[in-house]
C-alpha atoms as a PDB file:
ATOM      1  CA  UNK A   1      -0.130   0.006   0.085  1.00  0.00           C
ATOM      2  CA  UNK A   2       1.318   3.376  -0.839  1.00  0.00           C
ATOM      3  CA  UNK A   3       0.725   6.226   1.910  1.00  0.00           C
ATOM      4  CA  UNK A   4       0.179   9.809   0.895  1.00  0.00           C
ATOM      5  CA  UNK A   5       3.056  12.136   0.303  1.00  0.00           C
ATOM      6  CA  UNK A   6       4.880  13.166   3.410  1.00  0.00           C
ATOM      7  CA  UNK A   7       8.022  14.825   4.122  1.00  0.00           C
ATOM      8  CA  UNK A   8      11.117  12.692   5.002  1.00  0.00           C
ATOM      9  CA  UNK A   9      14.067  14.623   7.066  1.00  0.00           C
ATOM     10  CA  UNK A  10      17.094  12.856   5.926  1.00  0.00           C
ATOM     11  CA  UNK A  11      20.668  13.475   7.165  1.00  0.00           C
ATOM     12  CA  UNK A  12      22.316  13.876   3.570  1.00  0.00           C
ATOM     13  CA  UNK A  13      19.980  15.815   1.552  1.00  0.00           C
ATOM     14  CA  UNK A  14      17.776  17.564   4.093  1.00  0.00           C
ATOM     15  CA  UNK A  15      13.770  17.491   3.551  1.00  0.00           C
ATOM     16  CA  UNK A  16      12.568  15.379   0.718  1.00  0.00           C
ATOM     17  CA  UNK A  17       8.907  14.753  -0.256  1.00  0.00           C
ATOM     18  CA  UNK A  18       7.419  11.270  -1.429  1.00  0.00           C
ATOM     19  CA  UNK A  19       5.149   8.437  -0.863  1.00  0.00           C
ATOM     20  CA  UNK A  20       5.838   5.848   1.605  1.00  0.00           C
ATOM     21  CA  UNK A  21       5.598   2.259   0.234  1.00  0.00           C
ATOM     22  CA  UNK A  22       4.424   0.052   2.911  1.00  0.00           C
ATOM     23  CA  UNK A  23       3.775  -3.249   0.711  1.00  0.00           C
ATOM     24  CA  UNK A  24       7.310  -3.959   0.443  1.00  0.00           C
ATOM     25  CA  UNK A  25       9.134  -5.191  -2.917  1.00  0.00           C
ATOM     26  CA  UNK A  26       5.764  -6.525  -4.343  1.00  0.00           C
ATOM     27  CA  UNK A  27       4.160  -2.960  -4.194  1.00  0.00           C
ATOM     28  CA  UNK A  28       7.345  -1.595  -5.575  1.00  0.00           C
ATOM     29  CA  UNK A  29       7.141  -4.037  -8.495  1.00  0.00           C
ATOM     30  CA  UNK A  30       3.508  -2.915  -9.175  1.00  0.00           C
ATOM     31  CA  UNK A  31       4.621   0.541  -9.404  1.00  0.00           C
ATOM     32  CA  UNK A  32       7.568  -0.351 -11.843  1.00  0.00           C
ATOM     33  CA  UNK A  33       5.154  -2.042 -14.412  1.00  0.00           C
ATOM     34  CA  UNK A  34       2.895  -0.464 -17.038  1.00  0.00           C
ATOM     35  CA  UNK A  35       0.419  -2.636 -18.852  1.00  0.00           C
ATOM     36  CA  UNK A  36       2.017  -5.659 -17.395  1.00  0.00           C
ATOM     37  CA  UNK A  37       5.383  -4.845 -18.536  1.00  0.00           C
ATOM     38  CA  UNK A  38       8.410  -2.748 -17.166  1.00  0.00           C
ATOM     39  CA  UNK A  39       8.176   0.308 -18.746  1.00  0.00           C
ATOM     40  CA  UNK A  40       8.087   2.984 -16.274  1.00  0.00           C
ATOM     41  CA  UNK A  41      10.955   5.434 -15.365  1.00  0.00           C
ATOM     42  CA  UNK A  42      11.060   4.104 -12.070  1.00  0.00           C
ATOM     43  CA  UNK A  43      14.522   3.770 -10.728  1.00  0.00           C
ATOM     44  CA  UNK A  44      16.552   3.141  -7.585  1.00  0.00           C
ATOM     45  CA  UNK A  45      18.500   6.301  -6.649  1.00  0.00           C
ATOM     46  CA  UNK A  46      19.969   5.471  -3.128  1.00  0.00           C
ATOM     47  CA  UNK A  47      19.541   4.776   0.494  1.00  0.00           C
ATOM     48  CA  UNK A  48      18.628   7.611   3.019  1.00  0.00           C
ATOM     49  CA  UNK A  49      18.712   7.880   6.777  1.00  0.00           C
ATOM     50  CA  UNK A  50      16.345   9.902   8.605  1.00  0.00           C
ATOM     51  CA  UNK A  51      17.448  12.145  11.611  1.00  0.00           C
ATOM     52  CA  UNK A  52      17.420  10.784  15.075  1.00  0.00           C
ATOM     53  CA  UNK A  53      14.244  12.491  15.903  1.00  0.00           C
ATOM     54  CA  UNK A  54      12.678  10.666  13.054  1.00  0.00           C
ATOM     55  CA  UNK A  55      13.847   7.236  14.345  1.00  0.00           C
ATOM     56  CA  UNK A  56      16.879   6.838  12.495  1.00  0.00           C
ATOM     57  CA  UNK A  57      15.263   4.565   9.951  1.00  0.00           C
ATOM     58  CA  UNK A  58      17.075   3.624   6.681  1.00  0.00           C
ATOM     59  CA  UNK A  59      14.925   4.127   3.484  1.00  0.00           C
ATOM     60  CA  UNK A  60      15.520   3.206  -0.248  1.00  0.00           C
ATOM     61  CA  UNK A  61      14.741   6.089  -2.274  1.00  0.00           C
ATOM     62  CA  UNK A  62      13.280   5.414  -5.682  1.00  0.00           C
ATOM     63  CA  UNK A  63      12.136   8.093  -8.207  1.00  0.00           C
ATOM     64  CA  UNK A  64       9.831   7.988 -11.172  1.00  0.00           C
ATOM     65  CA  UNK A  65      11.085  10.733 -13.545  1.00  0.00           C
ATOM     66  CA  UNK A  66       7.998  10.202 -16.041  1.00  0.00           C
ATOM     67  CA  UNK A  67       5.427  11.257 -13.219  1.00  0.00           C
ATOM     68  CA  UNK A  68       7.812  13.441 -11.331  1.00  0.00           C
ATOM     69  CA  UNK A  69       7.114  11.337  -7.993  1.00  0.00           C
ATOM     70  CA  UNK A  70       9.468  10.014  -5.314  1.00  0.00           C
ATOM     71  CA  UNK A  71       9.072   6.865  -3.236  1.00  0.00           C
ATOM     72  CA  UNK A  72      10.855   5.665  -0.028  1.00  0.00           C
ATOM     73  CA  UNK A  73      10.629   2.049   1.380  1.00  0.00           C
ATOM     74  CA  UNK A  74      11.779   1.265   4.817  1.00  0.00           C
ATOM     75  CA  UNK A  75      14.841  -1.199   4.948  1.00  0.00           C
ATOM     76  CA  UNK A  76      14.564  -3.263   7.923  1.00  0.00           C
END
């Protein structure tokens, strides 16, 4: 499930806005497909760490340039 856009306060890049992916890799796979084929502009960018006030979590950061959207998935 994709949550609404929110702000992620990262240690390296400051505040970044995007959608949190809570459905894991299967949800990310659905985002990467268009019409059942991998034709989207979704790409992995890097891992980001949130500030300690945010819980010091690490997220994988993905970007879809075609839709101008950012996605973050928690790495546990």
